[in-house]
PDB file of N, CA and C in Angstrom:
ATOM      1  N   MET A   1     -30.712 -11.156   0.540  1.00  0.00           N
ATOM      2  CA  MET A   1     -29.905 -12.339   0.757  1.00  0.00           C
ATOM      3  C   MET A   1     -28.584 -12.181   0.024  1.00  0.00           C
ATOM      4  N   LYS A   2     -27.490 -12.324   0.757  1.00  0.00           N
ATOM      5  CA  LYS A   2     -26.176 -12.157   0.172  1.00  0.00           C
ATOM      6  C   LYS A   2     -25.772 -13.400  -0.595  1.00  0.00           C
ATOM      7  N   GLN A   3     -25.123 -13.157  -1.725  1.00  0.00           N
ATOM      8  CA  GLN A   3     -24.643 -14.250  -2.547  1.00  0.00           C
ATOM      9  C   GLN A   3     -23.242 -14.636  -2.079  1.00  0.00           C
ATOM     10  N   ARG A   4     -22.992 -15.915  -1.929  1.00  0.00           N
ATOM     11  CA  ARG A   4     -21.688 -16.390  -1.483  1.00  0.00           C
ATOM     12  C   ARG A   4     -20.706 -16.343  -2.649  1.00  0.00           C
ATOM     13  N   ARG A   5     -19.560 -15.741  -2.427  1.00  0.00           N
ATOM     14  CA  ARG A   5     -18.547 -15.587  -3.470  1.00  0.00           C
ATOM     15  C   ARG A   5     -17.568 -16.753  -3.434  1.00  0.00           C
ATOM     16  N   SER A   6     -17.020 -17.075  -4.595  1.00  0.00           N
ATOM     17  CA  SER A   6     -16.068 -18.175  -4.688  1.00  0.00           C
ATOM     18  C   SER A   6     -14.678 -17.719  -4.239  1.00  0.00           C
ATOM     19  N   VAL A   7     -13.807 -18.681  -4.058  1.00  0.00           N
ATOM     20  CA  VAL A   7     -12.436 -18.393  -3.646  1.00  0.00           C
ATOM     21  C   VAL A   7     -11.717 -17.622  -4.742  1.00  0.00           C
ATOM     22  N   THR A   8     -11.968 -17.971  -5.998  1.00  0.00           N
ATOM     23  CA  THR A   8     -11.310 -17.253  -7.092  1.00  0.00           C
ATOM     24  C   THR A   8     -11.740 -15.789  -7.134  1.00  0.00           C
ATOM     25  N   HIS A   9     -12.981 -15.529  -6.784  1.00  0.00           N
ATOM     26  CA  HIS A   9     -13.450 -14.137  -6.722  1.00  0.00           C
ATOM     27  C   HIS A   9     -12.665 -13.363  -5.668  1.00  0.00           C
ATOM     28  N   HIS A  10     -12.483 -13.954  -4.495  1.00  0.00           N
ATOM     29  CA  HIS A  10     -11.738 -13.281  -3.420  1.00  0.00           C
ATOM     30  C   HIS A  10     -10.263 -13.094  -3.798  1.00  0.00           C
ATOM     31  N   ILE A  11      -9.678 -14.089  -4.448  1.00  0.00           N
ATOM     32  CA  ILE A  11      -8.293 -13.954  -4.897  1.00  0.00           C
ATOM     33  C   ILE A  11      -8.188 -12.828  -5.927  1.00  0.00           C
ATOM     34  N   GLY A  12      -9.157 -12.771  -6.826  1.00  0.00           N
ATOM     35  CA  GLY A  12      -9.159 -11.718  -7.833  1.00  0.00           C
ATOM     36  C   GLY A  12      -9.273 -10.336  -7.226  1.00  0.00           C
ATOM     37  N   VAL A  13     -10.160 -10.167  -6.262  1.00  0.00           N
ATOM     38  CA  VAL A  13     -10.302  -8.866  -5.587  1.00  0.00           C
ATOM     39  C   VAL A  13      -9.011  -8.528  -4.849  1.00  0.00           C
ATOM     40  N   GLY A  14      -8.395  -9.521  -4.229  1.00  0.00           N
ATOM     41  CA  GLY A  14      -7.116  -9.296  -3.550  1.00  0.00           C
ATOM     42  C   GLY A  14      -6.026  -8.847  -4.508  1.00  0.00           C
ATOM     43  N   LEU A  15      -5.992  -9.445  -5.697  1.00  0.00           N
ATOM     44  CA  LEU A  15      -5.004  -9.038  -6.699  1.00  0.00           C
ATOM     45  C   LEU A  15      -5.265  -7.616  -7.196  1.00  0.00           C
ATOM     46  N   ILE A  16      -6.522  -7.273  -7.355  1.00  0.00           N
ATOM     47  CA  ILE A  16      -6.845  -5.911  -7.794  1.00  0.00           C
ATOM     48  C   ILE A  16      -6.403  -4.901  -6.734  1.00  0.00           C
ATOM     49  N   ILE A  17      -6.685  -5.187  -5.481  1.00  0.00           N
ATOM     50  CA  ILE A  17      -6.274  -4.296  -4.392  1.00  0.00           C
ATOM     51  C   ILE A  17      -4.750  -4.216  -4.316  1.00  0.00           C
ATOM     52  N   ALA A  18      -4.085  -5.363  -4.427  1.00  0.00           N
ATOM     53  CA  ALA A  18      -2.622  -5.391  -4.371  1.00  0.00           C
ATOM     54  C   ALA A  18      -2.006  -4.608  -5.527  1.00  0.00           C
ATOM     55  N   SER A  19      -2.661  -4.622  -6.683  1.00  0.00           N
ATOM     56  CA  SER A  19      -2.113  -3.889  -7.826  1.00  0.00           C
ATOM     57  C   SER A  19      -2.082  -2.388  -7.556  1.00  0.00           C
ATOM     58  N   PHE A  20      -3.042  -1.880  -6.795  1.00  0.00           N
ATOM     59  CA  PHE A  20      -3.028  -0.469  -6.438  1.00  0.00           C
ATOM     60  C   PHE A  20      -1.975  -0.183  -5.366  1.00  0.00           C
ATOM     61  N   VAL A  21      -1.773  -1.115  -4.459  1.00  0.00           N
ATOM     62  CA  VAL A  21      -0.797  -0.929  -3.388  1.00  0.00           C
ATOM     63  C   VAL A  21       0.625  -0.927  -3.948  1.00  0.00           C
ATOM     64  N   VAL A  22       0.863  -1.730  -4.980  1.00  0.00           N
ATOM     65  CA  VAL A  22       2.201  -1.827  -5.575  1.00  0.00           C
ATOM     66  C   VAL A  22       2.652  -0.486  -6.149  1.00  0.00           C
ATOM     67  N   TRP A  23       1.705   0.349  -6.570  1.00  0.00           N
ATOM     68  CA  TRP A  23       2.051   1.652  -7.135  1.00  0.00           C
ATOM     69  C   TRP A  23       2.774   2.554  -6.131  1.00  0.00           C
ATOM     70  N   VAL A  24       2.727   2.246  -4.852  1.00  0.00           N
ATOM     71  CA  VAL A  24       3.419   3.047  -3.836  1.00  0.00           C
ATOM     72  C   VAL A  24       4.931   3.026  -4.077  1.00  0.00           C
ATOM     73  N   ALA A  25       5.427   1.948  -4.675  1.00  0.00           N
ATOM     74  CA  ALA A  25       6.872   1.828  -4.913  1.00  0.00           C
ATOM     75  C   ALA A  25       7.379   2.808  -5.969  1.00  0.00           C
ATOM     76  N   VAL A  26       6.512   3.270  -6.861  1.00  0.00           N
ATOM     77  CA  VAL A  26       6.959   4.168  -7.935  1.00  0.00           C
ATOM     78  C   VAL A  26       7.505   5.488  -7.383  1.00  0.00           C
ATOM     79  N   PRO A  27       6.790   6.207  -6.512  1.00  0.00           N
ATOM     80  CA  PRO A  27       7.379   7.458  -6.015  1.00  0.00           C
ATOM     81  C   PRO A  27       8.521   7.242  -5.014  1.00  0.00           C
ATOM     82  N   ILE A  28       8.661   6.043  -4.492  1.00  0.00           N
ATOM     83  CA  ILE A  28       9.748   5.757  -3.542  1.00  0.00           C
ATOM     84  C   ILE A  28      11.053   5.443  -4.280  1.00  0.00           C
ATOM     85  N   ALA A  29      10.961   4.892  -5.473  1.00  0.00           N
ATOM     86  CA  ALA A  29      12.136   4.427  -6.223  1.00  0.00           C
ATOM     87  C   ALA A  29      13.224   5.488  -6.420  1.00  0.00           C
ATOM     88  N   PRO A  30      12.909   6.742  -6.707  1.00  0.00           N
ATOM     89  CA  PRO A  30      13.998   7.717  -6.910  1.00  0.00           C
ATOM     90  C   PRO A  30      14.870   7.948  -5.674  1.00  0.00           C
ATOM     91  N   PHE A  31      14.364   7.612  -4.509  1.00  0.00           N
ATOM     92  CA  PHE A  31      15.123   7.845  -3.280  1.00  0.00           C
ATOM     93  C   PHE A  31      15.936   6.630  -2.837  1.00  0.00           C
ATOM     94  N   LEU A  32      15.890   5.562  -3.599  1.00  0.00           N
ATOM     95  CA  LEU A  32      16.668   4.371  -3.270  1.00  0.00           C
ATOM     96  C   LEU A  32      18.134   4.587  -3.643  1.00  0.00           C
ATOM     97  N   PRO A  33      19.053   3.922  -2.931  1.00  0.00           N
ATOM     98  CA  PRO A  33      20.493   4.148  -3.179  1.00  0.00           C
ATOM     99  C   PRO A  33      21.032   3.291  -4.335  1.00  0.00           C
ATOM    100  N   PHE A  34      20.408   3.374  -5.505  1.00  0.00           N
ATOM    101  CA  PHE A  34      20.843   2.605  -6.669  1.00  0.00           C
ATOM    102  C   PHE A  34      21.153   3.564  -7.810  1.00  0.00           C
ATOM    103  N   SER A  35      21.734   3.022  -8.871  1.00  0.00           N
ATOM    104  CA  SER A  35      22.016   3.856 -10.042  1.00  0.00           C
ATOM    105  C   SER A  35      20.713   4.198 -10.757  1.00  0.00           C
ATOM    106  N   ALA A  36      20.786   5.168 -11.654  1.00  0.00           N
ATOM    107  CA  ALA A  36      19.596   5.608 -12.385  1.00  0.00           C
ATOM    108  C   ALA A  36      19.018   4.477 -13.228  1.00  0.00           C
ATOM    109  N   ALA A  37      19.868   3.653 -13.788  1.00  0.00           N
ATOM    110  CA  ALA A  37      19.391   2.536 -14.616  1.00  0.00           C
ATOM    111  C   ALA A  37      18.619   1.523 -13.783  1.00  0.00           C
ATOM    112  N   VAL A  38      19.103   1.233 -12.600  1.00  0.00           N
ATOM    113  CA  VAL A  38      18.412   0.283 -11.715  1.00  0.00           C
ATOM    114  C   VAL A  38      17.085   0.860 -11.252  1.00  0.00           C
ATOM    115  N   LYS A  39      17.069   2.147 -10.931  1.00  0.00           N
ATOM    116  CA  LYS A  39      15.821   2.794 -10.512  1.00  0.00           C
ATOM    117  C   LYS A  39      14.785   2.757 -11.631  1.00  0.00           C
ATOM    118  N   ALA A  40      15.222   3.029 -12.858  1.00  0.00           N
ATOM    119  CA  ALA A  40      14.304   2.976 -14.000  1.00  0.00           C
ATOM    120  C   ALA A  40      13.775   1.559 -14.208  1.00  0.00           C
ATOM    121  N   THR A  41      14.621   0.576 -14.010  1.00  0.00           N
ATOM    122  CA  THR A  41      14.189  -0.820 -14.135  1.00  0.00           C
ATOM    123  C   THR A  41      13.181  -1.175 -13.054  1.00  0.00           C
ATOM    124  N   ILE A  42      13.407  -0.697 -11.847  1.00  0.00           N
ATOM    125  CA  ILE A  42      12.473  -0.953 -10.740  1.00  0.00           C
ATOM    126  C   ILE A  42      11.112  -0.348 -11.051  1.00  0.00           C
ATOM    127  N   VAL A  43      11.100   0.901 -11.507  1.00  0.00           N
ATOM    128  CA  VAL A  43       9.836   1.575 -11.817  1.00  0.00           C
ATOM    129  C   VAL A  43       9.107   0.850 -12.940  1.00  0.00           C
ATOM    130  N   ALA A  44       9.823   0.491 -13.997  1.00  0.00           N
ATOM    131  CA  ALA A  44       9.192  -0.216 -15.122  1.00  0.00           C
ATOM    132  C   ALA A  44       8.640  -1.570 -14.685  1.00  0.00           C
ATOM    133  N   THR A  45       9.379  -2.283 -13.855  1.00  0.00           N
ATOM    134  CA  THR A  45       8.935  -3.582 -13.368  1.00  0.00           C
ATOM    135  C   THR A  45       7.706  -3.452 -12.483  1.00  0.00           C
ATOM    136  N   VAL A  46       7.710  -2.448 -11.615  1.00  0.00           N
ATOM    137  CA  VAL A  46       6.568  -2.237 -10.720  1.00  0.00           C
ATOM    138  C   VAL A  46       5.316  -1.901 -11.524  1.00  0.00           C
ATOM    139  N   ILE A  47       5.458  -1.044 -12.525  1.00  0.00           N
ATOM    140  CA  ILE A  47       4.301  -0.679 -13.347  1.00  0.00           C
ATOM    141  C   ILE A  47       3.768  -1.894 -14.095  1.00  0.00           C
ATOM    142  N   ALA A  48       4.676  -2.672 -14.681  1.00  0.00           N
ATOM    143  CA  ALA A  48       4.247  -3.874 -15.408  1.00  0.00           C
ATOM    144  C   ALA A  48       3.592  -4.883 -14.470  1.00  0.00           C
ATOM    145  N   ALA A  49       4.174  -5.066 -13.290  1.00  0.00           N
ATOM    146  CA  ALA A  49       3.607  -6.020 -12.323  1.00  0.00           C
ATOM    147  C   ALA A  49       2.227  -5.571 -11.859  1.00  0.00           C
ATOM    148  N   ALA A  50       2.066  -4.274 -11.639  1.00  0.00           N
ATOM    149  CA  ALA A  50       0.759  -3.765 -11.198  1.00  0.00           C
ATOM    150  C   ALA A  50      -0.299  -3.998 -12.271  1.00  0.00           C
ATOM    151  N   GLU A  51       0.037  -3.773 -13.525  1.00  0.00           N
ATOM    152  CA  GLU A  51      -0.915  -3.997 -14.607  1.00  0.00           C
ATOM    153  C   GLU A  51      -1.282  -5.476 -14.735  1.00  0.00           C
ATOM    154  N   VAL A  52      -0.276  -6.334 -14.665  1.00  0.00           N
ATOM    155  CA  VAL A  52      -0.539  -7.772 -14.757  1.00  0.00           C
ATOM    156  C   VAL A  52      -1.415  -8.226 -13.598  1.00  0.00           C
ATOM    157  N   MET A  53      -1.114  -7.749 -12.390  1.00  0.00           N
ATOM    158  CA  MET A  53      -1.921  -8.128 -11.225  1.00  0.00           C
ATOM    159  C   MET A  53      -3.360  -7.642 -11.370  1.00  0.00           C
ATOM    160  N   PHE A  54      -3.535  -6.412 -11.863  1.00  0.00           N
ATOM    161  CA  PHE A  54      -4.885  -5.871 -12.009  1.00  0.00           C
ATOM    162  C   PHE A  54      -5.692  -6.697 -13.002  1.00  0.00           C
ATOM    163  N   TRP A  55      -5.140  -6.945 -14.171  1.00  0.00           N
ATOM    164  CA  TRP A  55      -5.906  -7.661 -15.197  1.00  0.00           C
ATOM    165  C   TRP A  55      -6.112  -9.126 -14.845  1.00  0.00           C
ATOM    166  N   LEU A  56      -5.164  -9.744 -14.154  1.00  0.00           N
ATOM    167  CA  LEU A  56      -5.379 -11.110 -13.675  1.00  0.00           C
ATOM    168  C   LEU A  56      -6.485 -11.114 -12.624  1.00  0.00           C
ATOM    169  N   GLY A  57      -6.499 -10.111 -11.771  1.00  0.00           N
ATOM    170  CA  GLY A  57      -7.569  -9.980 -10.786  1.00  0.00           C
ATOM    171  C   GLY A  57      -8.920  -9.781 -11.440  1.00  0.00           C
ATOM    172  N   VAL A  58      -8.959  -8.999 -12.521  1.00  0.00           N
ATOM    173  CA  VAL A  58     -10.219  -8.796 -13.255  1.00  0.00           C
ATOM    174  C   VAL A  58     -10.702 -10.115 -13.832  1.00  0.00           C
ATOM    175  N   LEU A  59      -9.781 -10.896 -14.378  1.00  0.00           N
ATOM    176  CA  LEU A  59     -10.172 -12.202 -14.932  1.00  0.00           C
ATOM    177  C   LEU A  59     -10.746 -13.118 -13.852  1.00  0.00           C
ATOM    178  N   LEU A  60     -10.137 -13.099 -12.676  1.00  0.00           N
ATOM    179  CA  LEU A  60     -10.596 -13.986 -11.602  1.00  0.00           C
ATOM    180  C   LEU A  60     -11.854 -13.467 -10.907  1.00  0.00           C
ATOM    181  N   ALA A  61     -11.931 -12.176 -10.676  1.00  0.00           N
ATOM    182  CA  ALA A  61     -13.060 -11.617  -9.929  1.00  0.00           C
ATOM    183  C   ALA A  61     -14.246 -11.300 -10.826  1.00  0.00           C
ATOM    184  N   GLY A  62     -13.981 -10.991 -12.062  1.00  0.00           N
ATOM    185  CA  GLY A  62     -15.053 -10.621 -12.972  1.00  0.00           C
ATOM    186  C   GLY A  62     -15.036  -9.139 -13.256  1.00  0.00           C
ATOM    187  N   LYS A  63     -15.548  -8.770 -14.401  1.00  0.00           N
ATOM    188  CA  LYS A  63     -15.531  -7.373 -14.830  1.00  0.00           C
ATOM    189  C   LYS A  63     -16.363  -6.496 -13.906  1.00  0.00           C
ATOM    190  N   GLU A  64     -17.460  -7.008 -13.415  1.00  0.00           N
ATOM    191  CA  GLU A  64     -18.348  -6.227 -12.551  1.00  0.00           C
ATOM    192  C   GLU A  64     -17.654  -5.852 -11.236  1.00  0.00           C
ATOM    193  N   ALA A  65     -16.927  -6.788 -10.648  1.00  0.00           N
ATOM    194  CA  ALA A  65     -16.214  -6.508  -9.403  1.00  0.00           C
ATOM    195  C   ALA A  65     -15.123  -5.455  -9.631  1.00  0.00           C
ATOM    196  N   ALA A  66     -14.413  -5.555 -10.739  1.00  0.00           N
ATOM    197  CA  ALA A  66     -13.374  -4.572 -11.040  1.00  0.00           C
ATOM    198  C   ALA A  66     -13.978  -3.193 -11.249  1.00  0.00           C
ATOM    199  N   ARG A  67     -15.122  -3.116 -11.915  1.00  0.00           N
ATOM    200  CA  ARG A  67     -15.780  -1.827 -12.142  1.00  0.00           C
ATOM    201  C   ARG A  67     -16.202  -1.202 -10.818  1.00  0.00           C
ATOM    202  N   LYS A  68     -16.749  -2.013  -9.927  1.00  0.00           N
ATOM    203  CA  LYS A  68     -17.175  -1.496  -8.622  1.00  0.00           C
ATOM    204  C   LYS A  68     -15.987  -0.988  -7.806  1.00  0.00           C
ATOM    205  N   LEU A  69     -14.884  -1.744  -7.818  1.00  0.00           N
ATOM    206  CA  LEU A  69     -13.710  -1.321  -7.059  1.00  0.00           C
ATOM    207  C   LEU A  69     -13.119  -0.034  -7.615  1.00  0.00           C
ATOM    208  N   LYS A  70     -13.025   0.081  -8.938  1.00  0.00           N
ATOM    209  CA  LYS A  70     -12.488   1.303  -9.528  1.00  0.00           C
ATOM    210  C   LYS A  70     -13.383   2.501  -9.217  1.00  0.00           C
ATOM    211  N   ALA A  71     -14.699   2.308  -9.250  1.00  0.00           N
ATOM    212  CA  ALA A  71     -15.619   3.402  -8.924  1.00  0.00           C
ATOM    213  C   ALA A  71     -15.504   3.784  -7.454  1.00  0.00           C
ATOM    214  N   TYR A  72     -15.301   2.794  -6.589  1.00  0.00           N
ATOM    215  CA  TYR A  72     -15.176   3.052  -5.155  1.00  0.00           C
ATOM    216  C   TYR A  72     -13.917   3.857  -4.855  1.00  0.00           C
ATOM    217  N   TRP A  73     -12.811   3.561  -5.561  1.00  0.00           N
ATOM    218  CA  TRP A  73     -11.547   4.242  -5.301  1.00  0.00           C
ATOM    219  C   TRP A  73     -11.408   5.563  -6.018  1.00  0.00           C
ATOM    220  N   ASN A  74     -12.373   5.939  -6.834  1.00  0.00           N
ATOM    221  CA  ASN A  74     -12.299   7.201  -7.548  1.00  0.00           C
ATOM    222  C   ASN A  74     -12.694   8.327  -6.585  1.00  0.00           C
ATOM    223  N   PRO A  75     -11.758   9.200  -6.217  1.00  0.00           N
ATOM    224  CA  PRO A  75     -12.059  10.253  -5.240  1.00  0.00           C
ATOM    225  C   PRO A  75     -13.155  11.216  -5.707  1.00  0.00           C
ATOM    226  N   LYS A  76     -13.368  11.288  -7.006  1.00  0.00           N
ATOM    227  CA  LYS A  76     -14.391  12.177  -7.542  1.00  0.00           C
ATOM    228  C   LYS A  76     -15.781  11.793  -7.027  1.00  0.00           C
ATOM    229  N   HIS A  77     -16.010  10.523  -6.741  1.00  0.00           N
ATOM    230  CA  HIS A  77     -17.327  10.048  -6.337  1.00  0.00           C
ATOM    231  C   HIS A  77     -17.522   9.989  -4.817  1.00  0.00           C
ATOM    232  N   TRP A  78     -16.477  10.146  -4.036  1.00  0.00           N
ATOM    233  CA  TRP A  78     -16.588   9.971  -2.589  1.00  0.00           C
ATOM    234  C   TRP A  78     -17.543  10.967  -1.957  1.00  0.00           C
ATOM    235  N   ARG A  79     -17.351  12.217  -2.199  1.00  0.00           N
ATOM    236  CA  ARG A  79     -18.159  13.245  -1.559  1.00  0.00           C
ATOM    237  C   ARG A  79     -19.592  13.236  -2.093  1.00  0.00           C
ATOM    238  N   ILE A  80     -19.772  13.014  -3.371  1.00  0.00           N
ATOM    239  CA  ILE A  80     -21.094  13.028  -3.980  1.00  0.00           C
ATOM    240  C   ILE A  80     -21.970  11.935  -3.383  1.00  0.00           C
ATOM    241  N   ASN A  81     -21.447  10.727  -3.266  1.00  0.00           N
ATOM    242  CA  ASN A  81     -22.230   9.623  -2.709  1.00  0.00           C
ATOM    243  C   ASN A  81     -22.595   9.879  -1.258  1.00  0.00           C
ATOM    244  N   ARG A  82     -21.684  10.434  -0.490  1.00  0.00           N
ATOM    245  CA  ARG A  82     -21.956  10.709   0.912  1.00  0.00           C
ATOM    246  C   ARG A  82     -23.041  11.776   1.046  1.00  0.00           C
ATOM    247  N   GLN A  83     -22.992  12.810   0.207  1.00  0.00           N
ATOM    248  CA  GLN A  83     -23.999  13.864   0.267  1.00  0.00           C
ATOM    249  C   GLN A  83     -25.371  13.327  -0.119  1.00  0.00           C
ATOM    250  N   ARG A  84     -25.432  12.509  -1.159  1.00  0.00           N
ATOM    251  CA  ARG A  84     -26.717  11.936  -1.561  1.00  0.00           C
ATOM    252  C   ARG A  84     -27.271  11.055  -0.453  1.00  0.00           C
ATOM    253  N   LEU A  85     -26.407  10.305   0.202  1.00  0.00           N
ATOM    254  CA  LEU A  85     -26.835   9.418   1.267  1.00  0.00           C
ATOM    255  C   LEU A  85     -27.372  10.216   2.450  1.00  0.00           C
ATOM    256  N   ASP A  86     -26.743  11.343   2.749  1.00  0.00           N
ATOM    257  CA  ASP A  86     -27.186  12.173   3.864  1.00  0.00           C
ATOM    258  C   ASP A  86     -28.487  12.910   3.555  1.00  0.00           C
ATOM    259  N   GLN A  87     -28.744  13.203   2.298  1.00  0.00           N
ATOM    260  CA  GLN A  87     -29.940  13.945   1.924  1.00  0.00           C
ATOM    261  C   GLN A  87     -31.185  13.071   1.891  1.00  0.00           C
ATOM    262  N   THR A  88     -31.010  11.774   1.873  1.00  0.00           N
ATOM    263  CA  THR A  88     -32.143  10.863   1.774  1.00  0.00           C
ATOM    264  C   THR A  88     -32.721  10.597   3.153  1.00  0.00           C
ATOM    265  N   ASN A  89     -34.045  10.611   3.280  1.00  0.00           N
ATOM    266  CA  ASN A  89     -34.706  10.316   4.540  1.00  0.00           C
ATOM    267  C   ASN A  89     -35.161   8.864   4.628  1.00  0.00           C
ATOM    268  N   ASP A  90     -35.147   8.169   3.515  1.00  0.00           N
ATOM    269  CA  ASP A  90     -35.614   6.796   3.462  1.00  0.00           C
ATOM    270  C   ASP A  90     -34.517   5.861   3.986  1.00  0.00           C
ATOM    271  N   VAL A  91     -34.745   5.226   5.123  1.00  0.00           N
ATOM    272  CA  VAL A  91     -33.754   4.365   5.759  1.00  0.00           C
ATOM    273  C   VAL A  91     -33.449   3.157   4.885  1.00  0.00           C
ATOM    274  N   LYS A  92     -34.469   2.567   4.297  1.00  0.00           N
ATOM    275  CA  LYS A  92     -34.268   1.388   3.459  1.00  0.00           C
ATOM    276  C   LYS A  92     -33.398   1.731   2.251  1.00  0.00           C
ATOM    277  N   GLN A  93     -33.627   2.886   1.658  1.00  0.00           N
ATOM    278  CA  GLN A  93     -32.842   3.311   0.504  1.00  0.00           C
ATOM    279  C   GLN A  93     -31.380   3.549   0.917  1.00  0.00           C
ATOM    280  N   LYS A  94     -31.155   4.104   2.095  1.00  0.00           N
ATOM    281  CA  LYS A  94     -29.795   4.301   2.583  1.00  0.00           C
ATOM    282  C   LYS A  94     -29.083   2.962   2.758  1.00  0.00           C
ATOM    283  N   GLU A  95     -29.774   1.986   3.339  1.00  0.00           N
ATOM    284  CA  GLU A  95     -29.174   0.675   3.554  1.00  0.00           C
ATOM    285  C   GLU A  95     -28.832   0.007   2.229  1.00  0.00           C
ATOM    286  N   GLU A  96     -29.709   0.131   1.237  1.00  0.00           N
ATOM    287  CA  GLU A  96     -29.444  -0.462  -0.068  1.00  0.00           C
ATOM    288  C   GLU A  96     -28.217   0.174  -0.715  1.00  0.00           C
ATOM    289  N   ARG A  97     -28.088   1.480  -0.611  1.00  0.00           N
ATOM    290  CA  ARG A  97     -26.929   2.156  -1.193  1.00  0.00           C
ATOM    291  C   ARG A  97     -25.648   1.766  -0.478  1.00  0.00           C
ATOM    292  N   LEU A  98     -25.708   1.620   0.834  1.00  0.00           N
ATOM    293  CA  LEU A  98     -24.527   1.190   1.567  1.00  0.00           C
ATOM    294  C   LEU A  98     -24.114  -0.219   1.165  1.00  0.00           C
ATOM    295  N   GLU A  99     -25.071  -1.104   0.969  1.00  0.00           N
ATOM    296  CA  GLU A  99     -24.765  -2.469   0.545  1.00  0.00           C
ATOM    297  C   GLU A  99     -24.155  -2.487  -0.851  1.00  0.00           C
ATOM    298  N   GLU A 100     -24.661  -1.631  -1.740  1.00  0.00           N
ATOM    299  CA  GLU A 100     -24.133  -1.573  -3.103  1.00  0.00           C
ATOM    300  C   GLU A 100     -22.707  -1.083  -3.113  1.00  0.00           C
ATOM    301  N   SER A 101     -22.374  -0.149  -2.247  1.00  0.00           N
ATOM    302  CA  SER A 101     -21.037   0.412  -2.233  1.00  0.00           C
ATOM    303  C   SER A 101     -20.011  -0.520  -1.595  1.00  0.00           C
ATOM    304  N   GLN A 102     -20.461  -1.532  -0.899  1.00  0.00           N
ATOM    305  CA  GLN A 102     -19.514  -2.439  -0.234  1.00  0.00           C
ATOM    306  C   GLN A 102     -19.272  -3.677  -1.016  1.00  0.00           C
TER     307      GLN A 102
END
């Protein structure tokens, strides 16, 4: 039975996801048509905003949700989990692992 999540939990998860998306601006900043000082300010602001968004999201979603999201986005674990899932013959165990990862 799935547990119903609150609105603050969903907002928190959204902020955590958005904090990772904001990091895309860092490698783009050097190619913008601004002075070096403005580019440095943009990068510093983006990094600070991403950190604030992440930790605010952790506060709203909870530490457990943040831990699960960080583990999910860690590329080191992607292949290992898929291989373990493929090696298992137990259908119920596969379904439980898929539910845990989502």
